[in-house]
Amino acid sequence: MKLDDLVAIDIHTHAWRSALKPPDESQKEHEAAMGRYFKYVPQHTTVPEMAGYYRKLKMAFVVFTVDSLAHPGRAGITNEEIAELAAKNADVAIPFASIDPARGKAGVKEARRLIKDFGVKGFKFHPSTQAFFPNDRMAYPLYEAIAEAKLPALFHTGQTGVGAGTRGGGGVRLKYSNPMHLDDVAADFPDMPVILAHPSFPWQDEALSVATHKPQVYIDLSGWSPKYFSPLLVQYANSLLKNKVLFGTDYPVMTPERWLDDFEKIGIKPEVKPLILKENAIRLLQLDA
């Protein structure tokens, strides 16, 4: 990965479809619902397609799926496929893995295998779709494996597009994704970087509080157009958190082009923009090590 040639690093993207097999009906329904919520028809949803797209933009991207025992039909791709295809596109692709903490000891063993044999660079959690509070001690053995490898853990926070507008919200419960639950995790795992994904509506103040209080807690700006960011989030990104805020899109439901166009209009200081777009991610992911 030629860091000097990159204009940005997208810290938050999803590979929705396998490059090896066609999607089933459950996946298609999930993708259609997400497209309606974000008012966009998702494209480039396999890792090779994403790599070609981001390569043209001169960007790198962190890519993952979401493993959920509660909603098994929504993951159309395995951690192994993501890691293997990312390795083939290592000039732009950075693989994270996802393991539902409900998998218990088997999940911990799987995490260690993915780190050792597949070289994943971090882990993605989605408390609302995985139906767990991040500070539930049942998840701690999994965090221990991640912390031992000195890798970051990225957690969805705030409202989610998953299940939005469907009957009963698709059974997804928002309460699990309050970022304040991650204050416990950050206190108990002080050497494990924690990324609070998305502007954490309706808990933005809580996210800013945790990120300013805990040195290893970051915020990614994915899932929202910057024009909808709260004034307080913009203020903190420009000042107290300028070294801990990360560019992210939530691709394929939002394109980097749209995100960056709106980002130019929210008053981020010129000297802060390169930190958010690339330099903070390089440091966090140790890409220059």
C-alpha atoms as a PDB file:
ATOM      1  CA  MET A   1       0.000   0.000   0.000  1.00  0.00           C
ATOM      2  CA  LYS A   2       1.572   3.264  -1.193  1.00  0.00           C
ATOM      3  CA  LEU A   3       0.336   5.628   1.485  1.00  0.00           C
ATOM      4  CA  ASP A   4       1.685   8.780  -0.151  1.00  0.00           C
ATOM      5  CA  ASP A   5      -0.398   8.083  -3.258  1.00  0.00           C
ATOM      6  CA  LEU A   6      -3.669   7.762  -1.329  1.00  0.00           C
ATOM      7  CA  VAL A   7      -5.977  10.740  -0.917  1.00  0.00           C
ATOM      8  CA  ALA A   8      -8.019   9.080   1.845  1.00  0.00           C
ATOM      9  CA  ILE A   9      -8.676   5.903   3.812  1.00  0.00           C
ATOM     10  CA  ASP A  10     -12.326   4.902   4.229  1.00  0.00           C
ATOM     11  CA  ILE A  11     -12.447   3.228   7.636  1.00  0.00           C
ATOM     12  CA  HIS A  12     -15.964   1.785   7.269  1.00  0.00           C
ATOM     13  CA  THR A  13     -17.246  -0.219   4.275  1.00  0.00           C
ATOM     14  CA  HIS A  14     -19.320  -3.368   3.909  1.00  0.00           C
ATOM     15  CA  ALA A  15     -18.863  -6.249   1.475  1.00  0.00           C
ATOM     16  CA  TRP A  16     -22.447  -7.397   1.048  1.00  0.00           C
ATOM     17  CA  ARG A  17     -22.075 -10.077  -1.601  1.00  0.00           C
ATOM     18  CA  SER A  18     -19.770 -12.993  -2.130  1.00  0.00           C
ATOM     19  CA  ALA A  19     -17.712 -12.988  -5.304  1.00  0.00           C
ATOM     20  CA  LEU A  20     -18.006 -16.788  -5.305  1.00  0.00           C
ATOM     21  CA  LYS A  21     -21.767 -17.406  -5.116  1.00  0.00           C
ATOM     22  CA  PRO A  22     -24.988 -15.548  -5.977  1.00  0.00           C
ATOM     23  CA  PRO A  23     -27.049 -13.909  -3.188  1.00  0.00           C
ATOM     24  CA  ASP A  24     -30.100 -15.677  -1.772  1.00  0.00           C
ATOM     25  CA  GLU A  25     -33.536 -14.088  -1.384  1.00  0.00           C
ATOM     26  CA  SER A  26     -32.896 -13.025   2.226  1.00  0.00           C
ATOM     27  CA  GLN A  27     -29.811 -11.088   1.190  1.00  0.00           C
ATOM     28  CA  LYS A  28     -31.655  -9.461  -1.696  1.00  0.00           C
ATOM     29  CA  GLU A  29     -34.476  -8.346   0.621  1.00  0.00           C
ATOM     30  CA  HIS A  30     -31.968  -6.916   3.111  1.00  0.00           C
ATOM     31  CA  GLU A  31     -30.119  -5.016   0.377  1.00  0.00           C
ATOM     32  CA  ALA A  32     -33.363  -3.629  -1.028  1.00  0.00           C
ATOM     33  CA  ALA A  33     -34.485  -2.426   2.416  1.00  0.00           C
ATOM     34  CA  MET A  34     -31.143  -0.726   3.023  1.00  0.00           C
ATOM     35  CA  GLY A  35     -31.338   0.936  -0.378  1.00  0.00           C
ATOM     36  CA  ARG A  36     -34.786   2.333   0.421  1.00  0.00           C
ATOM     37  CA  TYR A  37     -33.586   3.706   3.762  1.00  0.00           C
ATOM     38  CA  PHE A  38     -30.527   5.431   2.292  1.00  0.00           C
ATOM     39  CA  LYS A  39     -32.339   6.394  -0.935  1.00  0.00           C
ATOM     40  CA  TYR A  40     -29.571   4.862  -3.016  1.00  0.00           C
ATOM     41  CA  VAL A  41     -29.180   1.719  -5.101  1.00  0.00           C
ATOM     42  CA  PRO A  42     -26.013   0.031  -3.740  1.00  0.00           C
ATOM     43  CA  GLN A  43     -23.372  -0.989  -6.265  1.00  0.00           C
ATOM     44  CA  HIS A  44     -19.953  -2.686  -6.212  1.00  0.00           C
ATOM     45  CA  THR A  45     -20.820  -5.004  -3.339  1.00  0.00           C
ATOM     46  CA  THR A  46     -18.099  -7.669  -3.679  1.00  0.00           C
ATOM     47  CA  VAL A  47     -14.532  -7.103  -2.512  1.00  0.00           C
ATOM     48  CA  PRO A  48     -12.990  -7.146  -6.021  1.00  0.00           C
ATOM     49  CA  GLU A  49     -15.610  -4.690  -7.299  1.00  0.00           C
ATOM     50  CA  MET A  50     -14.994  -2.425  -4.325  1.00  0.00           C
ATOM     51  CA  ALA A  51     -11.230  -2.617  -4.830  1.00  0.00           C
ATOM     52  CA  GLY A  52     -11.539  -1.519  -8.460  1.00  0.00           C
ATOM     53  CA  TYR A  53     -13.828   1.345  -7.474  1.00  0.00           C
ATOM     54  CA  TYR A  54     -11.620   2.623  -4.634  1.00  0.00           C
ATOM     55  CA  ARG A  55      -8.462   2.203  -6.715  1.00  0.00           C
ATOM     56  CA  LYS A  56      -9.855   4.665  -9.256  1.00  0.00           C
ATOM     57  CA  LEU A  57     -10.537   7.110  -6.410  1.00  0.00           C
ATOM     58  CA  LYS A  58      -6.984   6.669  -5.052  1.00  0.00           C
ATOM     59  CA  MET A  59      -8.390   5.568  -1.720  1.00  0.00           C
ATOM     60  CA  ALA A  60      -7.898   2.596   0.556  1.00  0.00           C
ATOM     61  CA  PHE A  61     -10.798   1.039   2.446  1.00  0.00           C
ATOM     62  CA  VAL A  62     -11.433  -1.095   5.518  1.00  0.00           C
ATOM     63  CA  VAL A  63     -13.905  -3.829   4.597  1.00  0.00           C
ATOM     64  CA  PHE A  64     -15.966  -6.286   6.650  1.00  0.00           C
ATOM     65  CA  THR A  65     -19.219  -8.164   7.011  1.00  0.00           C
ATOM     66  CA  VAL A  66     -21.415  -8.544  10.113  1.00  0.00           C
ATOM     67  CA  ASP A  67     -21.690 -11.936  11.786  1.00  0.00           C
ATOM     68  CA  SER A  68     -25.025 -12.229  13.602  1.00  0.00           C
ATOM     69  CA  LEU A  69     -26.557 -15.388  15.043  1.00  0.00           C
ATOM     70  CA  ALA A  70     -29.808 -13.468  15.525  1.00  0.00           C
ATOM     71  CA  HIS A  71     -29.966 -12.480  11.828  1.00  0.00           C
ATOM     72  CA  PRO A  72     -27.942 -15.132   9.965  1.00  0.00           C
ATOM     73  CA  GLY A  73     -29.442 -14.472   6.529  1.00  0.00           C
ATOM     74  CA  ARG A  74     -27.954 -11.009   6.203  1.00  0.00           C
ATOM     75  CA  ALA A  75     -24.293 -11.985   5.902  1.00  0.00           C
ATOM     76  CA  GLY A  76     -23.674 -12.953   2.313  1.00  0.00           C
ATOM     77  CA  ILE A  77     -19.927 -13.381   2.654  1.00  0.00           C
ATOM     78  CA  THR A  78     -17.482 -15.004   5.061  1.00  0.00           C
ATOM     79  CA  ASN A  79     -14.603 -13.461   6.992  1.00  0.00           C
ATOM     80  CA  GLU A  80     -12.246 -15.789   5.145  1.00  0.00           C
ATOM     81  CA  GLU A  81     -13.373 -14.651   1.712  1.00  0.00           C
ATOM     82  CA  ILE A  82     -13.018 -10.997   2.680  1.00  0.00           C
ATOM     83  CA  ALA A  83      -9.496 -11.571   4.032  1.00  0.00           C
ATOM     84  CA  GLU A  84      -8.371 -13.624   1.034  1.00  0.00           C
ATOM     85  CA  LEU A  85      -9.743 -11.170  -1.531  1.00  0.00           C
ATOM     86  CA  ALA A  86      -8.383  -8.205   0.417  1.00  0.00           C
ATOM     87  CA  ALA A  87      -4.944  -9.851   0.317  1.00  0.00           C
ATOM     88  CA  LYS A  88      -5.232 -10.022  -3.482  1.00  0.00           C
ATOM     89  CA  ASN A  89      -6.054  -6.300  -3.507  1.00  0.00           C
ATOM     90  CA  ALA A  90      -3.716  -5.240  -0.712  1.00  0.00           C
ATOM     91  CA  ASP A  91      -2.855  -1.965  -2.435  1.00  0.00           C
ATOM     92  CA  VAL A  92      -6.281  -0.643  -1.370  1.00  0.00           C
ATOM     93  CA  ALA A  93      -8.147  -3.217   0.771  1.00  0.00           C
ATOM     94  CA  ILE A  94      -7.781  -3.685   4.548  1.00  0.00           C
ATOM     95  CA  PRO A  95      -9.704  -6.656   6.013  1.00  0.00           C
ATOM     96  CA  PHE A  96     -11.551  -6.615   9.337  1.00  0.00           C
ATOM     97  CA  ALA A  97     -13.390  -9.674  10.669  1.00  0.00           C
ATOM     98  CA  SER A  98     -16.731  -9.923  12.446  1.00  0.00           C
ATOM     99  CA  ILE A  99     -17.621 -12.486  15.117  1.00  0.00           C
ATOM    100  CA  ASP A 100     -20.833 -12.510  17.122  1.00  0.00           C
ATOM    101  CA  PRO A 101     -19.847 -12.624  20.833  1.00  0.00           C
ATOM    102  CA  ALA A 102     -22.676 -15.124  21.345  1.00  0.00           C
ATOM    103  CA  ARG A 103     -20.425 -17.715  19.715  1.00  0.00           C
ATOM    104  CA  GLY A 104     -18.576 -17.937  23.019  1.00  0.00           C
ATOM    105  CA  LYS A 105     -15.373 -19.977  23.214  1.00  0.00           C
ATOM    106  CA  ALA A 106     -15.720 -21.060  19.598  1.00  0.00           C
ATOM    107  CA  GLY A 107     -15.817 -17.416  18.566  1.00  0.00           C
ATOM    108  CA  VAL A 108     -12.664 -16.629  20.534  1.00  0.00           C
ATOM    109  CA  LYS A 109     -10.877 -19.531  18.878  1.00  0.00           C
ATOM    110  CA  GLU A 110     -12.095 -18.333  15.491  1.00  0.00           C
ATOM    111  CA  ALA A 111     -10.836 -14.810  16.174  1.00  0.00           C
ATOM    112  CA  ARG A 112      -7.376 -16.075  16.982  1.00  0.00           C
ATOM    113  CA  ARG A 113      -7.379 -18.168  13.792  1.00  0.00           C
ATOM    114  CA  LEU A 114      -8.441 -15.219  11.643  1.00  0.00           C
ATOM    115  CA  ILE A 115      -5.705 -13.071  13.158  1.00  0.00           C
ATOM    116  CA  LYS A 116      -2.988 -15.710  12.807  1.00  0.00           C
ATOM    117  CA  ASP A 117      -3.872 -17.378   9.510  1.00  0.00           C
ATOM    118  CA  PHE A 118      -5.708 -14.646   7.596  1.00  0.00           C
ATOM    119  CA  GLY A 119      -4.051 -11.474   8.844  1.00  0.00           C
ATOM    120  CA  VAL A 120      -7.213  -9.520   9.660  1.00  0.00           C
ATOM    121  CA  LYS A 121      -6.441  -6.011  10.915  1.00  0.00           C
ATOM    122  CA  GLY A 122      -9.386  -5.425  13.265  1.00  0.00           C
ATOM    123  CA  PHE A 123     -12.878  -6.549  14.256  1.00  0.00           C
ATOM    124  CA  LYS A 124     -16.360  -5.167  13.585  1.00  0.00           C
ATOM    125  CA  PHE A 125     -19.255  -5.435  16.049  1.00  0.00           C
ATOM    126  CA  HIS A 126     -22.888  -4.427  15.538  1.00  0.00           C
ATOM    127  CA  PRO A 127     -24.542  -4.569  18.979  1.00  0.00           C
ATOM    128  CA  SER A 128     -28.073  -3.948  17.664  1.00  0.00           C
ATOM    129  CA  THR A 129     -28.057  -6.763  15.109  1.00  0.00           C
ATOM    130  CA  GLN A 130     -25.966  -9.043  17.325  1.00  0.00           C
ATOM    131  CA  ALA A 131     -28.327  -8.275  20.228  1.00  0.00           C
ATOM    132  CA  PHE A 132     -25.805  -7.663  22.993  1.00  0.00           C
ATOM    133  CA  PHE A 133     -24.656  -4.828  25.211  1.00  0.00           C
ATOM    134  CA  PRO A 134     -20.962  -4.202  24.447  1.00  0.00           C
ATOM    135  CA  ASN A 135     -20.111  -4.193  28.162  1.00  0.00           C
ATOM    136  CA  ASP A 136     -21.675  -7.625  28.708  1.00  0.00           C
ATOM    137  CA  ARG A 137     -18.921  -9.723  30.262  1.00  0.00           C
ATOM    138  CA  MET A 138     -19.733 -12.609  27.933  1.00  0.00           C
ATOM    139  CA  ALA A 139     -17.985 -10.605  25.177  1.00  0.00           C
ATOM    140  CA  TYR A 140     -14.817  -9.976  27.189  1.00  0.00           C
ATOM    141  CA  PRO A 141     -12.899 -13.145  26.203  1.00  0.00           C
ATOM    142  CA  LEU A 142     -13.299 -12.071  22.566  1.00  0.00           C
ATOM    143  CA  TYR A 143     -12.033  -8.583  23.371  1.00  0.00           C
ATOM    144  CA  GLU A 144      -9.075 -10.143  25.189  1.00  0.00           C
ATOM    145  CA  ALA A 145      -8.046 -11.958  22.003  1.00  0.00           C
ATOM    146  CA  ILE A 146      -8.319  -8.730  20.013  1.00  0.00           C
ATOM    147  CA  ALA A 147      -6.418  -6.714  22.627  1.00  0.00           C
ATOM    148  CA  GLU A 148      -3.623  -9.286  22.789  1.00  0.00           C
ATOM    149  CA  ALA A 149      -3.106  -8.815  19.046  1.00  0.00           C
ATOM    150  CA  LYS A 150      -3.146  -5.019  19.516  1.00  0.00           C
ATOM    151  CA  LEU A 151      -5.939  -4.662  16.969  1.00  0.00           C
ATOM    152  CA  PRO A 152      -8.832  -2.170  16.964  1.00  0.00           C
ATOM    153  CA  ALA A 153     -12.463  -3.054  17.620  1.00  0.00           C
ATOM    154  CA  LEU A 154     -15.076  -1.073  15.676  1.00  0.00           C
ATOM    155  CA  PHE A 155     -18.609  -0.868  17.123  1.00  0.00           C
ATOM    156  CA  HIS A 156     -21.771   0.349  15.455  1.00  0.00           C
ATOM    157  CA  THR A 157     -23.340   3.092  17.580  1.00  0.00           C
ATOM    158  CA  GLY A 158     -26.628   4.962  17.347  1.00  0.00           C
ATOM    159  CA  GLN A 159     -29.596   4.342  15.118  1.00  0.00           C
ATOM    160  CA  THR A 160     -29.167   1.845  12.290  1.00  0.00           C
ATOM    161  CA  GLY A 161     -30.485   1.507   8.781  1.00  0.00           C
ATOM    162  CA  VAL A 162     -30.687  -2.255   9.315  1.00  0.00           C
ATOM    163  CA  GLY A 163     -34.360  -3.135   9.682  1.00  0.00           C
ATOM    164  CA  ALA A 164     -35.435   0.512   9.403  1.00  0.00           C
ATOM    165  CA  GLY A 165     -38.908   0.866   7.951  1.00  0.00           C
ATOM    166  CA  THR A 166     -39.621  -2.865   8.066  1.00  0.00           C
ATOM    167  CA  ARG A 167     -42.182  -4.540  10.316  1.00  0.00           C
ATOM    168  CA  GLY A 168     -41.035  -4.151  13.912  1.00  0.00           C
ATOM    169  CA  GLY A 169     -37.741  -2.794  12.668  1.00  0.00           C
ATOM    170  CA  GLY A 170     -36.831  -6.334  11.664  1.00  0.00           C
ATOM    171  CA  GLY A 171     -36.520  -7.203  15.344  1.00  0.00           C
ATOM    172  CA  VAL A 172     -33.440  -4.965  15.690  1.00  0.00           C
ATOM    173  CA  ARG A 173     -33.282  -3.122  19.029  1.00  0.00           C
ATOM    174  CA  LEU A 174     -31.534   0.230  19.143  1.00  0.00           C
ATOM    175  CA  LYS A 175     -30.839   0.202  22.901  1.00  0.00           C
ATOM    176  CA  TYR A 176     -27.745  -1.974  22.493  1.00  0.00           C
ATOM    177  CA  SER A 177     -25.928   0.698  20.475  1.00  0.00           C
ATOM    178  CA  ASN A 178     -25.702   3.523  22.994  1.00  0.00           C
ATOM    179  CA  PRO A 179     -21.998   4.478  22.930  1.00  0.00           C
ATOM    180  CA  MET A 180     -21.949   4.909  26.712  1.00  0.00           C
ATOM    181  CA  HIS A 181     -21.852   1.095  27.027  1.00  0.00           C
ATOM    182  CA  LEU A 182     -18.432   1.288  25.382  1.00  0.00           C
ATOM    183  CA  ASP A 183     -17.070   3.457  28.166  1.00  0.00           C
ATOM    184  CA  ASP A 184     -16.844   0.274  30.263  1.00  0.00           C
ATOM    185  CA  VAL A 185     -15.089  -1.567  27.437  1.00  0.00           C
ATOM    186  CA  ALA A 186     -12.564   1.239  27.002  1.00  0.00           C
ATOM    187  CA  ALA A 187     -11.899   1.326  30.750  1.00  0.00           C
ATOM    188  CA  ASP A 188     -11.464  -2.445  30.985  1.00  0.00           C
ATOM    189  CA  PHE A 189      -9.333  -2.737  27.804  1.00  0.00           C
ATOM    190  CA  PRO A 190      -7.209   0.430  27.857  1.00  0.00           C
ATOM    191  CA  ASP A 191      -4.785  -0.876  25.219  1.00  0.00           C
ATOM    192  CA  MET A 192      -7.434  -1.919  22.681  1.00  0.00           C
ATOM    193  CA  PRO A 193      -8.355   0.884  20.259  1.00  0.00           C
ATOM    194  CA  VAL A 194     -12.131   1.321  20.122  1.00  0.00           C
ATOM    195  CA  ILE A 195     -13.859   2.985  17.173  1.00  0.00           C
ATOM    196  CA  LEU A 196     -17.363   4.396  17.717  1.00  0.00           C
ATOM    197  CA  ALA A 197     -18.900   4.047  14.277  1.00  0.00           C
ATOM    198  CA  HIS A 198     -21.168   6.781  12.931  1.00  0.00           C
ATOM    199  CA  PRO A 199     -22.529   9.994  14.353  1.00  0.00           C
ATOM    200  CA  SER A 200     -24.288   8.310  17.285  1.00  0.00           C
ATOM    201  CA  PHE A 201     -27.827   9.665  16.935  1.00  0.00           C
ATOM    202  CA  PRO A 202     -29.536  10.165  19.367  1.00  0.00           C
ATOM    203  CA  TRP A 203     -26.507   9.810  21.654  1.00  0.00           C
ATOM    204  CA  GLN A 204     -23.967  12.117  19.998  1.00  0.00           C
ATOM    205  CA  ASP A 205     -23.037  13.854  23.256  1.00  0.00           C
ATOM    206  CA  GLU A 206     -22.347  10.493  24.909  1.00  0.00           C
ATOM    207  CA  ALA A 207     -20.017   9.502  22.066  1.00  0.00           C
ATOM    208  CA  LEU A 208     -18.094  12.764  22.299  1.00  0.00           C
ATOM    209  CA  SER A 209     -17.816  12.336  26.058  1.00  0.00           C
ATOM    210  CA  VAL A 210     -16.383   8.819  25.822  1.00  0.00           C
ATOM    211  CA  ALA A 211     -13.975   9.764  23.020  1.00  0.00           C
ATOM    212  CA  THR A 212     -12.612  12.790  24.884  1.00  0.00           C
ATOM    213  CA  HIS A 213     -12.284  10.872  28.168  1.00  0.00           C
ATOM    214  CA  LYS A 214     -10.715   7.626  26.941  1.00  0.00           C
ATOM    215  CA  PRO A 215      -7.445   8.088  25.009  1.00  0.00           C
ATOM    216  CA  GLN A 216      -7.867   5.035  22.764  1.00  0.00           C
ATOM    217  CA  VAL A 217     -11.449   5.779  21.644  1.00  0.00           C
ATOM    218  CA  TYR A 218     -12.008   7.108  18.114  1.00  0.00           C
ATOM    219  CA  ILE A 219     -15.106   8.193  16.176  1.00  0.00           C
ATOM    220  CA  ASP A 220     -15.742   7.349  12.530  1.00  0.00           C
ATOM    221  CA  LEU A 221     -18.034   9.628  10.545  1.00  0.00           C
ATOM    222  CA  SER A 222     -19.681   6.991   8.368  1.00  0.00           C
ATOM    223  CA  GLY A 223     -23.323   6.396   7.596  1.00  0.00           C
ATOM    224  CA  TRP A 224     -24.353  10.052   7.487  1.00  0.00           C
ATOM    225  CA  SER A 225     -23.835  12.790   4.975  1.00  0.00           C
ATOM    226  CA  PRO A 226     -21.648  15.428   6.687  1.00  0.00           C
ATOM    227  CA  LYS A 227     -24.328  18.043   6.048  1.00  0.00           C
ATOM    228  CA  TYR A 228     -26.356  16.369   8.799  1.00  0.00           C
ATOM    229  CA  PHE A 229     -23.565  16.382  11.405  1.00  0.00           C
ATOM    230  CA  SER A 230     -24.417  18.217  14.605  1.00  0.00           C
ATOM    231  CA  PRO A 231     -22.580  21.526  15.199  1.00  0.00           C
ATOM    232  CA  LEU A 232     -21.030  20.001  18.336  1.00  0.00           C
ATOM    233  CA  LEU A 233     -19.594  17.064  16.369  1.00  0.00           C
ATOM    234  CA  VAL A 234     -18.044  19.474  13.853  1.00  0.00           C
ATOM    235  CA  GLN A 235     -16.665  21.609  16.692  1.00  0.00           C
ATOM    236  CA  TYR A 236     -15.026  18.612  18.400  1.00  0.00           C
ATOM    237  CA  ALA A 237     -13.700  17.258  15.092  1.00  0.00           C
ATOM    238  CA  ASN A 238     -12.031  20.619  14.529  1.00  0.00           C
ATOM    239  CA  SER A 239     -10.487  20.781  17.977  1.00  0.00           C
ATOM    240  CA  LEU A 240     -10.390  18.292  20.876  1.00  0.00           C
ATOM    241  CA  LEU A 241     -10.865  15.215  18.685  1.00  0.00           C
ATOM    242  CA  LYS A 242      -9.002  16.284  15.556  1.00  0.00           C
ATOM    243  CA  ASN A 243      -6.547  13.399  16.018  1.00  0.00           C
ATOM    244  CA  LYS A 244      -9.261  10.826  16.744  1.00  0.00           C
ATOM    245  CA  VAL A 245     -11.927  11.396  14.086  1.00  0.00           C
ATOM    246  CA  LEU A 246     -11.912   9.162  11.009  1.00  0.00           C
ATOM    247  CA  PHE A 247     -13.289   9.365   7.487  1.00  0.00           C
ATOM    248  CA  GLY A 248     -15.811   6.625   6.754  1.00  0.00           C
ATOM    249  CA  THR A 249     -18.755   6.238   4.414  1.00  0.00           C
ATOM    250  CA  ASP A 250     -20.667   3.018   5.211  1.00  0.00           C
ATOM    251  CA  TYR A 251     -20.230   2.125   1.534  1.00  0.00           C
ATOM    252  CA  PRO A 252     -22.072   0.769  -0.482  1.00  0.00           C
ATOM    253  CA  VAL A 253     -25.015   2.759   0.925  1.00  0.00           C
ATOM    254  CA  MET A 254     -23.089   6.032   0.639  1.00  0.00           C
ATOM    255  CA  THR A 255     -20.416   6.882  -1.909  1.00  0.00           C
ATOM    256  CA  PRO A 256     -17.125   8.593  -1.062  1.00  0.00           C
ATOM    257  CA  GLU A 257     -17.859  11.194  -3.728  1.00  0.00           C
ATOM    258  CA  ARG A 258     -21.111  12.257  -2.053  1.00  0.00           C
ATOM    259  CA  TRP A 259     -19.555  12.213   1.418  1.00  0.00           C
ATOM    260  CA  LEU A 260     -16.527  14.268   0.414  1.00  0.00           C
ATOM    261  CA  ASP A 261     -18.615  16.805  -1.490  1.00  0.00           C
ATOM    262  CA  ASP A 262     -20.689  17.512   1.618  1.00  0.00           C
ATOM    263  CA  PHE A 263     -17.604  17.385   3.858  1.00  0.00           C
ATOM    264  CA  GLU A 264     -16.162  20.384   2.015  1.00  0.00           C
ATOM    265  CA  LYS A 265     -19.140  22.494   3.125  1.00  0.00           C
ATOM    266  CA  ILE A 266     -19.186  22.014   6.905  1.00  0.00           C
ATOM    267  CA  GLY A 267     -16.272  24.212   7.948  1.00  0.00           C
ATOM    268  CA  ILE A 268     -13.541  21.723   8.791  1.00  0.00           C
ATOM    269  CA  LYS A 269     -10.210  23.548   9.131  1.00  0.00           C
ATOM    270  CA  PRO A 270      -7.742  22.998   6.246  1.00  0.00           C
ATOM    271  CA  GLU A 271      -5.095  21.635   8.615  1.00  0.00           C
ATOM    272  CA  VAL A 272      -7.574  19.165  10.130  1.00  0.00           C
ATOM    273  CA  LYS A 273      -8.877  17.672   6.861  1.00  0.00           C
ATOM    274  CA  PRO A 274      -5.798  15.493   6.153  1.00  0.00           C
ATOM    275  CA  LEU A 275      -5.946  14.147   9.706  1.00  0.00           C
ATOM    276  CA  ILE A 276      -9.542  13.020   9.305  1.00  0.00           C
ATOM    277  CA  LEU A 277      -9.220  11.766   5.749  1.00  0.00           C
ATOM    278  CA  LYS A 278      -6.029   9.755   6.091  1.00  0.00           C
ATOM    279  CA  GLU A 279      -3.430  10.454   8.754  1.00  0.00           C
ATOM    280  CA  ASN A 280      -5.452   9.389  11.807  1.00  0.00           C
ATOM    281  CA  ALA A 281      -6.284   6.076  10.121  1.00  0.00           C
ATOM    282  CA  ILE A 282      -2.661   5.448   9.187  1.00  0.00           C
ATOM    283  CA  ARG A 283      -1.637   5.867  12.816  1.00  0.00           C
ATOM    284  CA  LEU A 284      -4.543   3.854  14.230  1.00  0.00           C
ATOM    285  CA  LEU A 285      -4.105   0.928  11.829  1.00  0.00           C
ATOM    286  CA  GLN A 286      -0.290   1.119  12.033  1.00  0.00           C
ATOM    287  CA  LEU A 287      -0.063   1.144   8.240  1.00  0.00           C
ATOM    288  CA  ASP A 288       3.315   2.826   8.273  1.00  0.00           C
ATOM    289  CA  ALA A 289       4.855   0.326  10.706  1.00  0.00           C
END
